[in-house]
C-alpha atoms as a PDB file:
ATOM      1  CA  GLY A   1      -2.256 248.702 -41.583  1.00  0.00           C
ATOM      2  CA  ALA A   2      -3.114 251.368 -39.038  1.00  0.00           C
ATOM      3  CA  THR A   3      -3.582 251.585 -35.300  1.00  0.00           C
ATOM      4  CA  GLU A   4      -6.033 254.031 -33.716  1.00  0.00           C
ATOM      5  CA  VAL A   5      -5.229 255.012 -30.124  1.00  0.00           C
ATOM      6  CA  ILE A   6      -7.935 256.768 -28.102  1.00  0.00           C
ATOM      7  CA  THR A   7      -7.102 258.124 -24.645  1.00  0.00           C
ATOM      8  CA  VAL A   8      -9.729 259.480 -22.274  1.00  0.00           C
ATOM      9  CA  GLN A   9     -10.579 260.180 -18.645  1.00  0.00           C
ATOM     10  CA  LEU A  10     -13.779 258.827 -17.155  1.00  0.00           C
ATOM     11  CA  ALA A  11     -16.086 261.347 -15.511  1.00  0.00           C
ATOM     12  CA  ASP A  12     -15.890 261.591 -11.718  1.00  0.00           C
ATOM     13  CA  GLY A  13     -18.026 258.881 -10.165  1.00  0.00           C
ATOM     14  CA  ALA A  14     -18.428 256.950 -13.416  1.00  0.00           C
ATOM     15  CA  ASP A  15     -19.236 253.275 -12.872  1.00  0.00           C
ATOM     16  CA  VAL A  16     -16.256 251.386 -14.319  1.00  0.00           C
ATOM     17  CA  ASP A  17     -18.200 248.156 -14.848  1.00  0.00           C
ATOM     18  CA  ALA A  18     -20.937 250.051 -16.691  1.00  0.00           C
ATOM     19  CA  PHE A  19     -18.304 251.856 -18.772  1.00  0.00           C
ATOM     20  CA  MET A  20     -16.693 248.526 -19.675  1.00  0.00           C
ATOM     21  CA  ALA A  21     -20.093 247.209 -20.766  1.00  0.00           C
ATOM     22  CA  ALA A  22     -20.663 250.340 -22.871  1.00  0.00           C
ATOM     23  CA  THR A  23     -17.239 250.214 -24.524  1.00  0.00           C
ATOM     24  CA  GLN A  24     -17.689 246.500 -25.250  1.00  0.00           C
ATOM     25  CA  ALA A  25     -21.130 247.159 -26.745  1.00  0.00           C
ATOM     26  CA  ILE A  26     -19.963 249.878 -29.122  1.00  0.00           C
ATOM     27  CA  GLY A  27     -16.897 247.813 -29.951  1.00  0.00           C
ATOM     28  CA  GLU A  28     -18.946 244.785 -30.934  1.00  0.00           C
ATOM     29  CA  ASN A  29     -22.004 246.469 -32.429  1.00  0.00           C
ATOM     30  CA  TYR A  30     -20.339 249.334 -34.298  1.00  0.00           C
ATOM     31  CA  VAL A  31     -16.536 249.322 -34.499  1.00  0.00           C
ATOM     32  CA  ALA A  32     -16.144 245.616 -35.302  1.00  0.00           C
ATOM     33  CA  GLN A  33     -18.709 245.963 -38.116  1.00  0.00           C
ATOM     34  CA  VAL A  34     -16.701 248.630 -39.982  1.00  0.00           C
ATOM     35  CA  PRO A  35     -14.794 247.161 -42.948  1.00  0.00           C
ATOM     36  CA  GLY A  36     -11.085 246.835 -42.213  1.00  0.00           C
ATOM     37  CA  PHE A  37     -11.527 246.211 -38.468  1.00  0.00           C
ATOM     38  CA  ILE A  38      -8.968 243.766 -37.033  1.00  0.00           C
ATOM     39  CA  ALA A  39      -9.029 243.961 -33.214  1.00  0.00           C
ATOM     40  CA  ARG A  40      -9.874 246.291 -30.315  1.00  0.00           C
ATOM     41  CA  GLU A  41      -8.656 246.402 -26.714  1.00  0.00           C
ATOM     42  CA  THR A  42      -9.299 248.616 -23.706  1.00  0.00           C
ATOM     43  CA  ALA A  43      -6.758 249.330 -20.959  1.00  0.00           C
ATOM     44  CA  VAL A  44      -6.314 251.623 -17.961  1.00  0.00           C
ATOM     45  CA  ASN A  45      -3.192 252.872 -16.181  1.00  0.00           C
ATOM     46  CA  GLU A  46      -2.590 253.569 -12.492  1.00  0.00           C
ATOM     47  CA  ALA A  47      -3.478 257.260 -12.968  1.00  0.00           C
ATOM     48  CA  GLY A  48      -6.924 256.279 -14.249  1.00  0.00           C
ATOM     49  CA  GLU A  49      -6.327 257.246 -17.868  1.00  0.00           C
ATOM     50  CA  TRP A  50      -8.081 254.886 -20.251  1.00  0.00           C
ATOM     51  CA  MET A  51      -6.767 253.805 -23.622  1.00  0.00           C
ATOM     52  CA  ILE A  52      -8.665 252.077 -26.391  1.00  0.00           C
ATOM     53  CA  VAL A  53      -6.517 250.625 -29.158  1.00  0.00           C
ATOM     54  CA  VAL A  54      -8.104 249.602 -32.450  1.00  0.00           C
ATOM     55  CA  HIS A  55      -6.199 247.805 -35.179  1.00  0.00           C
ATOM     56  CA  TRP A  56      -7.310 248.440 -38.774  1.00  0.00           C
ATOM     57  CA  SER A  57      -6.325 247.344 -42.260  1.00  0.00           C
ATOM     58  CA  SER A  58      -5.739 250.963 -43.320  1.00  0.00           C
ATOM     59  CA  ALA A  59      -5.933 254.583 -42.183  1.00  0.00           C
ATOM     60  CA  GLU A  60      -8.883 255.000 -44.546  1.00  0.00           C
ATOM     61  CA  ASP A  61     -10.798 252.434 -42.457  1.00  0.00           C
ATOM     62  CA  VAL A  62     -10.138 254.542 -39.344  1.00  0.00           C
ATOM     63  CA  ALA A  63     -11.563 257.589 -41.116  1.00  0.00           C
ATOM     64  CA  VAL A  64     -14.734 255.688 -42.033  1.00  0.00           C
ATOM     65  CA  SER A  65     -15.150 254.500 -38.448  1.00  0.00           C
ATOM     66  CA  MET A  66     -14.605 257.981 -37.016  1.00  0.00           C
ATOM     67  CA  ALA A  67     -17.032 259.568 -39.504  1.00  0.00           C
ATOM     68  CA  GLY A  68     -19.874 257.255 -38.480  1.00  0.00           C
ATOM     69  CA  PHE A  69     -19.138 256.955 -34.763  1.00  0.00           C
ATOM     70  CA  GLY A  70     -21.511 259.684 -33.618  1.00  0.00           C
ATOM     71  CA  ASP A  71     -24.416 258.044 -35.424  1.00  0.00           C
ATOM     72  CA  ALA A  72     -23.889 254.645 -33.785  1.00  0.00           C
ATOM     73  CA  PRO A  73     -26.754 253.822 -31.383  1.00  0.00           C
ATOM     74  CA  GLU A  74     -24.288 253.029 -28.579  1.00  0.00           C
ATOM     75  CA  ALA A  75     -22.240 256.227 -28.948  1.00  0.00           C
ATOM     76  CA  GLY A  76     -24.329 258.294 -26.530  1.00  0.00           C
ATOM     77  CA  ALA A  77     -24.080 255.714 -23.764  1.00  0.00           C
ATOM     78  CA  PHE A  78     -20.325 255.339 -24.321  1.00  0.00           C
ATOM     79  CA  MET A  79     -19.720 259.110 -24.266  1.00  0.00           C
ATOM     80  CA  SER A  80     -21.868 259.575 -21.140  1.00  0.00           C
ATOM     81  CA  PHE A  81     -19.088 258.007 -19.022  1.00  0.00           C
ATOM     82  CA  LEU A  82     -16.368 260.350 -20.284  1.00  0.00           C
ATOM     83  CA  TYR A  83     -15.095 263.850 -19.974  1.00  0.00           C
ATOM     84  CA  ALA A  84     -15.344 264.414 -23.738  1.00  0.00           C
ATOM     85  CA  GLU A  85     -12.774 267.218 -23.670  1.00  0.00           C
ATOM     86  CA  THR A  86     -10.150 264.717 -22.470  1.00  0.00           C
ATOM     87  CA  MET A  87     -10.626 262.432 -25.476  1.00  0.00           C
ATOM     88  CA  ALA A  88      -7.661 262.332 -27.836  1.00  0.00           C
ATOM     89  CA  VAL A  89      -7.427 260.174 -30.946  1.00  0.00           C
ATOM     90  CA  THR A  90      -4.116 259.422 -32.680  1.00  0.00           C
ATOM     91  CA  VAL A  91      -3.744 257.266 -35.779  1.00  0.00           C
ATOM     92  CA  TYR A  92      -0.477 255.477 -36.445  1.00  0.00           C
ATOM     93  CA  ASP A  93       0.524 253.897 -39.747  1.00  0.00           C
ATOM     94  CA  ILE A  94       1.983 250.428 -39.289  1.00  0.00           C
ATOM     95  CA  GLN A  95       5.429 250.227 -40.868  1.00  0.00           C
END
């Protein structure tokens, strides 16, 4: 298996409730439809850094998801809440 960890900062003044709706929408309508998807969760720390963790069957599934992400209808709305330059994606292989 593999775990994809995305960290990001929301743009100044971003509406957190609207962001949560956007991340849930892309999670349900795109990410969860990619073969190999297992689970997805969103969290925030006290400093306001957001983390999205996605569990996959394999690293290859992560690559497929990442390749198609920009074409997902909900991607623009999701990205509109973020400072894109703060987004970091790390993929971990489950041992």
